Amino acid sequence: MPTDLKLGLEGERLAEDFLKKQGYKILTRNFRTPFGQIDIIAKEKKTICFIEVKSRRSFSFGLPEEAVSKIKQAKIIKVAIFYLKQNGLLEKRVRFDVVSILYHKDSYKINLIRNAFDWDE
């Protein structure tokens, strides 16, 4: 099981591998702007997906996906708009997904939540 410092990076690596197996094409990882970042940007068929990855070792602080608060969602949306404008993709279909990873001893469970939130939530 990864240490606390490596938990997030390991989770993102696992999420990327998982998403590829689900048919996603990874466009970029850890896309940063002055007002936030997004863990993974990918394409699934004709949809641009902005994906937040959350990893946890236990349920002590709730499910991993519960950490994607309304404030975090708003930041992800701002980053998404920036990315879409920068790449001339404003007319593309967009979706916001969350990959939840829960570690237990030497194993883990991955849960993909498609359409976890929307632009106007």
N, C-alpha and C. Protein backbone atom coordinates (compact mmCIF):
# COMPACT_ATOMS: atom_id res chain seq x y z
N MET A 1 0.86 -1.19 0.00
CA MET A 1 0.00 0.00 0.00
C MET A 1 0.89 1.24 0.00
N PRO A 2 0.57 2.24 -0.80
CA PRO A 2 1.42 3.43 -0.89
C PRO A 2 1.41 4.25 0.40
N THR A 3 2.49 5.02 0.60
CA THR A 3 2.55 5.94 1.73
C THR A 3 1.62 7.11 1.44
N ASP A 4 1.37 7.94 2.46
CA ASP A 4 0.48 9.09 2.29
C ASP A 4 0.92 9.99 1.14
N LEU A 5 2.22 10.23 1.02
CA LEU A 5 2.73 11.13 -0.02
C LEU A 5 2.49 10.57 -1.42
N LYS A 6 2.53 9.25 -1.53
CA LYS A 6 2.40 8.62 -2.85
C LYS A 6 0.97 8.18 -3.16
N LEU A 7 0.08 8.29 -2.19
CA LEU A 7 -1.29 7.80 -2.37
C LEU A 7 -1.98 8.44 -3.57
N GLY A 8 -1.91 9.76 -3.68
CA GLY A 8 -2.57 10.46 -4.77
C GLY A 8 -1.98 10.10 -6.13
N LEU A 9 -0.65 10.08 -6.21
CA LEU A 9 0.01 9.76 -7.49
C LEU A 9 -0.26 8.33 -7.91
N GLU A 10 -0.22 7.42 -6.95
CA GLU A 10 -0.51 6.02 -7.25
C GLU A 10 -1.97 5.86 -7.68
N GLY A 11 -2.87 6.58 -7.02
CA GLY A 11 -4.28 6.54 -7.39
C GLY A 11 -4.50 7.04 -8.81
N GLU A 12 -3.81 8.11 -9.19
CA GLU A 12 -3.94 8.64 -10.55
C GLU A 12 -3.41 7.65 -11.59
N ARG A 13 -2.32 6.97 -11.26
CA ARG A 13 -1.77 5.96 -12.17
C ARG A 13 -2.76 4.81 -12.35
N LEU A 14 -3.31 4.33 -11.23
CA LEU A 14 -4.30 3.25 -11.30
C LEU A 14 -5.54 3.68 -12.08
N ALA A 15 -5.97 4.91 -11.83
CA ALA A 15 -7.15 5.44 -12.53
C ALA A 15 -6.90 5.52 -14.03
N GLU A 16 -5.72 6.00 -14.40
CA GLU A 16 -5.39 6.10 -15.83
C GLU A 16 -5.43 4.73 -16.50
N ASP A 17 -4.81 3.73 -15.87
CA ASP A 17 -4.82 2.37 -16.43
C ASP A 17 -6.25 1.85 -16.53
N PHE A 18 -7.04 2.07 -15.50
CA PHE A 18 -8.43 1.63 -15.48
C PHE A 18 -9.23 2.29 -16.60
N LEU A 19 -9.07 3.61 -16.74
CA LEU A 19 -9.81 4.35 -17.77
C LEU A 19 -9.44 3.87 -19.18
N LYS A 20 -8.17 3.62 -19.41
CA LYS A 20 -7.75 3.11 -20.72
C LYS A 20 -8.45 1.80 -21.03
N LYS A 21 -8.56 0.93 -20.03
CA LYS A 21 -9.23 -0.36 -20.22
C LYS A 21 -10.73 -0.17 -20.48
N GLN A 22 -11.29 0.95 -20.02
CA GLN A 22 -12.70 1.26 -20.25
C GLN A 22 -12.93 1.94 -21.60
N GLY A 23 -11.84 2.18 -22.35
CA GLY A 23 -11.96 2.78 -23.68
C GLY A 23 -11.70 4.27 -23.74
N TYR A 24 -11.28 4.88 -22.64
CA TYR A 24 -10.94 6.30 -22.65
C TYR A 24 -9.58 6.49 -23.31
N LYS A 25 -9.42 7.61 -24.01
CA LYS A 25 -8.12 8.01 -24.54
C LYS A 25 -7.63 9.16 -23.66
N ILE A 26 -6.52 8.98 -22.98
CA ILE A 26 -5.99 10.00 -22.07
C ILE A 26 -5.38 11.12 -22.91
N LEU A 27 -5.84 12.35 -22.67
CA LEU A 27 -5.32 13.51 -23.37
C LEU A 27 -4.22 14.18 -22.57
N THR A 28 -4.42 14.32 -21.25
CA THR A 28 -3.40 14.92 -20.39
C THR A 28 -3.68 14.56 -18.94
N ARG A 29 -2.63 14.65 -18.13
CA ARG A 29 -2.75 14.44 -16.68
C ARG A 29 -2.27 15.69 -15.96
N ASN A 30 -2.87 15.96 -14.82
CA ASN A 30 -2.47 17.07 -13.95
C ASN A 30 -2.38 18.39 -14.71
N PHE A 31 -3.46 18.73 -15.40
CA PHE A 31 -3.53 20.00 -16.13
C PHE A 31 -3.73 21.12 -15.13
N ARG A 32 -2.80 22.08 -15.10
CA ARG A 32 -2.81 23.15 -14.10
C ARG A 32 -3.08 24.51 -14.73
N THR A 33 -3.83 25.32 -13.98
CA THR A 33 -4.10 26.71 -14.35
C THR A 33 -3.88 27.54 -13.09
N PRO A 34 -3.91 28.88 -13.20
CA PRO A 34 -3.76 29.71 -12.00
C PRO A 34 -4.88 29.50 -10.97
N PHE A 35 -6.02 28.95 -11.39
CA PHE A 35 -7.14 28.81 -10.46
C PHE A 35 -7.50 27.37 -10.14
N GLY A 36 -6.64 26.42 -10.50
CA GLY A 36 -6.89 25.04 -10.12
C GLY A 36 -6.29 24.05 -11.09
N GLN A 37 -6.53 22.79 -10.82
CA GLN A 37 -6.02 21.74 -11.69
C GLN A 37 -7.03 20.61 -11.76
N ILE A 38 -6.86 19.78 -12.79
CA ILE A 38 -7.69 18.59 -12.96
C ILE A 38 -6.76 17.40 -13.12
N ASP A 39 -7.11 16.30 -12.50
CA ASP A 39 -6.22 15.13 -12.50
C ASP A 39 -6.04 14.53 -13.88
N ILE A 40 -7.14 14.26 -14.58
CA ILE A 40 -7.06 13.61 -15.89
C ILE A 40 -8.06 14.25 -16.84
N ILE A 41 -7.61 14.51 -18.06
CA ILE A 41 -8.52 14.92 -19.12
C ILE A 41 -8.42 13.83 -20.18
N ALA A 42 -9.58 13.29 -20.56
CA ALA A 42 -9.60 12.17 -21.49
C ALA A 42 -10.74 12.34 -22.48
N LYS A 43 -10.74 11.48 -23.46
CA LYS A 43 -11.82 11.48 -24.44
C LYS A 43 -12.44 10.09 -24.44
N GLU A 44 -13.76 10.04 -24.35
CA GLU A 44 -14.49 8.79 -24.49
C GLU A 44 -15.45 8.97 -25.65
N LYS A 45 -15.18 8.28 -26.73
CA LYS A 45 -15.92 8.47 -27.98
C LYS A 45 -15.81 9.93 -28.38
N LYS A 46 -16.93 10.67 -28.43
CA LYS A 46 -16.88 12.08 -28.85
C LYS A 46 -16.98 13.05 -27.67
N THR A 47 -16.84 12.54 -26.46
CA THR A 47 -17.01 13.36 -25.25
C THR A 47 -15.66 13.64 -24.59
N ILE A 48 -15.42 14.91 -24.26
CA ILE A 48 -14.24 15.29 -23.48
C ILE A 48 -14.61 15.11 -22.01
N CYS A 49 -13.81 14.32 -21.29
CA CYS A 49 -14.10 14.00 -19.90
C CYS A 49 -13.05 14.63 -18.99
N PHE A 50 -13.52 15.36 -18.02
CA PHE A 50 -12.67 15.94 -16.99
C PHE A 50 -12.85 15.07 -15.76
N ILE A 51 -11.75 14.46 -15.31
CA ILE A 51 -11.84 13.39 -14.32
C ILE A 51 -11.05 13.73 -13.07
N GLU A 52 -11.74 13.73 -11.96
CA GLU A 52 -11.11 13.93 -10.65
C GLU A 52 -10.90 12.56 -10.03
N VAL A 53 -9.70 12.32 -9.50
CA VAL A 53 -9.38 11.04 -8.87
C VAL A 53 -9.26 11.27 -7.36
N LYS A 54 -9.96 10.45 -6.59
CA LYS A 54 -9.90 10.53 -5.13
C LYS A 54 -9.56 9.17 -4.57
N SER A 55 -8.52 9.12 -3.74
CA SER A 55 -8.07 7.86 -3.13
C SER A 55 -8.16 7.97 -1.61
N ARG A 56 -8.56 6.87 -0.98
CA ARG A 56 -8.65 6.82 0.48
C ARG A 56 -8.20 5.44 0.96
N ARG A 57 -7.77 5.41 2.22
CA ARG A 57 -7.40 4.16 2.86
C ARG A 57 -8.53 3.57 3.69
N SER A 58 -9.50 4.41 4.05
CA SER A 58 -10.59 3.94 4.90
C SER A 58 -11.82 4.82 4.69
N PHE A 59 -12.89 4.45 5.36
CA PHE A 59 -14.12 5.24 5.30
C PHE A 59 -14.17 6.32 6.39
N SER A 60 -13.08 6.51 7.12
CA SER A 60 -13.05 7.45 8.25
C SER A 60 -13.54 8.84 7.86
N PHE A 61 -13.22 9.27 6.65
CA PHE A 61 -13.62 10.59 6.17
C PHE A 61 -14.68 10.47 5.07
N GLY A 62 -15.38 9.35 5.05
CA GLY A 62 -16.41 9.12 4.05
C GLY A 62 -15.84 8.45 2.81
N LEU A 63 -16.69 8.26 1.84
CA LEU A 63 -16.27 7.67 0.58
C LEU A 63 -15.34 8.64 -0.16
N PRO A 64 -14.40 8.13 -0.93
CA PRO A 64 -13.47 9.03 -1.65
C PRO A 64 -14.20 10.07 -2.49
N GLU A 65 -15.24 9.65 -3.21
CA GLU A 65 -15.94 10.59 -4.09
C GLU A 65 -16.65 11.72 -3.34
N GLU A 66 -16.91 11.52 -2.07
CA GLU A 66 -17.56 12.58 -1.27
C GLU A 66 -16.63 13.77 -1.04
N ALA A 67 -15.34 13.60 -1.32
CA ALA A 67 -14.38 14.69 -1.17
C ALA A 67 -14.45 15.68 -2.34
N VAL A 68 -15.23 15.37 -3.36
CA VAL A 68 -15.38 16.30 -4.48
C VAL A 68 -16.55 17.22 -4.14
N SER A 69 -16.25 18.22 -3.32
CA SER A 69 -17.25 19.16 -2.81
C SER A 69 -17.74 20.11 -3.90
N LYS A 70 -18.76 20.88 -3.59
CA LYS A 70 -19.27 21.89 -4.53
C LYS A 70 -18.17 22.89 -4.89
N ILE A 71 -17.34 23.25 -3.92
CA ILE A 71 -16.23 24.18 -4.17
C ILE A 71 -15.23 23.55 -5.14
N LYS A 72 -14.89 22.28 -4.93
CA LYS A 72 -13.97 21.58 -5.81
C LYS A 72 -14.58 21.44 -7.21
N GLN A 73 -15.87 21.15 -7.28
CA GLN A 73 -16.56 21.05 -8.57
C GLN A 73 -16.47 22.37 -9.34
N ALA A 74 -16.68 23.49 -8.64
CA ALA A 74 -16.62 24.81 -9.29
C ALA A 74 -15.22 25.06 -9.85
N LYS A 75 -14.18 24.66 -9.12
CA LYS A 75 -12.81 24.83 -9.61
C LYS A 75 -12.55 23.96 -10.83
N ILE A 76 -13.04 22.73 -10.79
CA ILE A 76 -12.86 21.83 -11.93
C ILE A 76 -13.55 22.39 -13.16
N ILE A 77 -14.74 22.96 -13.00
CA ILE A 77 -15.47 23.56 -14.11
C ILE A 77 -14.69 24.73 -14.71
N LYS A 78 -14.11 25.57 -13.85
CA LYS A 78 -13.29 26.70 -14.34
C LYS A 78 -12.10 26.20 -15.14
N VAL A 79 -11.43 25.17 -14.62
CA VAL A 79 -10.28 24.59 -15.32
C VAL A 79 -10.73 24.00 -16.65
N ALA A 80 -11.88 23.34 -16.65
CA ALA A 80 -12.41 22.74 -17.89
C ALA A 80 -12.67 23.81 -18.94
N ILE A 81 -13.29 24.91 -18.55
CA ILE A 81 -13.57 25.99 -19.49
C ILE A 81 -12.27 26.55 -20.05
N PHE A 82 -11.29 26.75 -19.18
CA PHE A 82 -9.97 27.23 -19.61
C PHE A 82 -9.38 26.27 -20.66
N TYR A 83 -9.39 24.98 -20.36
CA TYR A 83 -8.84 23.97 -21.27
C TYR A 83 -9.59 23.98 -22.61
N LEU A 84 -10.90 24.00 -22.55
CA LEU A 84 -11.71 23.99 -23.77
C LEU A 84 -11.44 25.21 -24.64
N LYS A 85 -11.36 26.40 -24.02
CA LYS A 85 -11.06 27.62 -24.76
C LYS A 85 -9.66 27.55 -25.37
N GLN A 86 -8.70 27.16 -24.56
CA GLN A 86 -7.30 27.09 -24.99
C GLN A 86 -7.11 26.15 -26.19
N ASN A 87 -7.94 25.11 -26.26
CA ASN A 87 -7.78 24.10 -27.30
C ASN A 87 -8.86 24.14 -28.38
N GLY A 88 -9.66 25.22 -28.39
CA GLY A 88 -10.69 25.37 -29.40
C GLY A 88 -11.74 24.27 -29.38
N LEU A 89 -12.11 23.84 -28.19
CA LEU A 89 -13.03 22.71 -28.04
C LEU A 89 -14.36 23.08 -27.39
N LEU A 90 -14.71 24.36 -27.39
CA LEU A 90 -15.92 24.80 -26.70
C LEU A 90 -17.20 24.17 -27.25
N GLU A 91 -17.17 23.70 -28.48
CA GLU A 91 -18.38 23.10 -29.08
C GLU A 91 -18.49 21.61 -28.80
N LYS A 92 -17.50 21.03 -28.15
CA LYS A 92 -17.50 19.58 -27.89
C LYS A 92 -18.41 19.22 -26.72
N ARG A 93 -18.88 17.99 -26.74
CA ARG A 93 -19.65 17.44 -25.61
C ARG A 93 -18.69 17.23 -24.45
N VAL A 94 -19.13 17.61 -23.24
CA VAL A 94 -18.27 17.56 -22.06
C VAL A 94 -18.96 16.79 -20.94
N ARG A 95 -18.14 16.10 -20.16
CA ARG A 95 -18.67 15.36 -19.01
C ARG A 95 -17.66 15.44 -17.86
N PHE A 96 -18.18 15.40 -16.64
CA PHE A 96 -17.35 15.42 -15.44
C PHE A 96 -17.50 14.09 -14.72
N ASP A 97 -16.40 13.36 -14.62
CA ASP A 97 -16.40 12.05 -13.98
C ASP A 97 -15.52 12.08 -12.73
N VAL A 98 -15.76 11.13 -11.85
CA VAL A 98 -14.92 10.94 -10.67
C VAL A 98 -14.50 9.48 -10.62
N VAL A 99 -13.21 9.26 -10.38
CA VAL A 99 -12.72 7.91 -10.13
C VAL A 99 -12.39 7.84 -8.64
N SER A 100 -13.04 6.91 -7.98
CA SER A 100 -12.88 6.70 -6.54
C SER A 100 -12.05 5.43 -6.33
N ILE A 101 -11.00 5.55 -5.50
CA ILE A 101 -10.16 4.38 -5.22
C ILE A 101 -10.09 4.21 -3.71
N LEU A 102 -10.51 3.02 -3.27
CA LEU A 102 -10.47 2.71 -1.84
C LEU A 102 -9.50 1.55 -1.63
N TYR A 103 -8.42 1.84 -0.89
CA TYR A 103 -7.42 0.82 -0.59
C TYR A 103 -7.86 0.03 0.63
N HIS A 104 -7.58 -1.27 0.60
CA HIS A 104 -7.84 -2.13 1.76
C HIS A 104 -6.72 -3.16 1.81
N LYS A 105 -5.90 -3.06 2.82
CA LYS A 105 -4.72 -3.92 2.96
C LYS A 105 -3.88 -3.80 1.69
N ASP A 106 -3.67 -4.91 0.98
CA ASP A 106 -2.83 -4.87 -0.22
C ASP A 106 -3.63 -4.85 -1.51
N SER A 107 -4.91 -4.52 -1.41
CA SER A 107 -5.72 -4.46 -2.62
C SER A 107 -6.46 -3.12 -2.67
N TYR A 108 -7.23 -2.93 -3.71
CA TYR A 108 -7.98 -1.69 -3.87
C TYR A 108 -9.22 -1.96 -4.69
N LYS A 109 -10.18 -1.04 -4.56
CA LYS A 109 -11.41 -1.11 -5.36
C LYS A 109 -11.55 0.22 -6.09
N ILE A 110 -11.77 0.14 -7.40
CA ILE A 110 -11.95 1.35 -8.21
C ILE A 110 -13.41 1.46 -8.62
N ASN A 111 -13.94 2.66 -8.48
CA ASN A 111 -15.32 2.95 -8.88
C ASN A 111 -15.30 4.17 -9.80
N LEU A 112 -15.86 4.03 -10.99
CA LEU A 112 -15.97 5.13 -11.94
C LEU A 112 -17.38 5.69 -11.87
N ILE A 113 -17.48 6.99 -11.62
CA ILE A 113 -18.78 7.66 -11.57
C ILE A 113 -18.84 8.60 -12.76
N ARG A 114 -19.55 8.18 -13.80
CA ARG A 114 -19.74 9.02 -14.98
C ARG A 114 -20.78 10.07 -14.64
N ASN A 115 -20.62 11.27 -15.21
CA ASN A 115 -21.57 12.37 -14.94
C ASN A 115 -21.73 12.62 -13.45
N ALA A 116 -20.62 12.67 -12.74
CA ALA A 116 -20.67 12.85 -11.29
C ALA A 116 -21.28 14.19 -10.90
N PHE A 117 -21.09 15.19 -11.75
CA PHE A 117 -21.71 16.51 -11.57
C PHE A 117 -21.78 17.19 -12.92
N ASP A 118 -22.50 18.31 -12.96
CA ASP A 118 -22.75 19.01 -14.22
C ASP A 118 -22.31 20.47 -14.10
N TRP A 119 -22.28 21.16 -15.22
CA TRP A 119 -21.89 22.59 -15.26
C TRP A 119 -22.66 23.44 -14.27
N ASP A 120 -23.96 23.20 -14.18
CA ASP A 120 -24.84 24.12 -13.45
C ASP A 120 -25.27 23.65 -12.08
N GLU A 121 -24.53 22.72 -11.48
CA GLU A 121 -24.91 22.27 -10.14
C GLU A 121 -24.50 23.27 -9.09
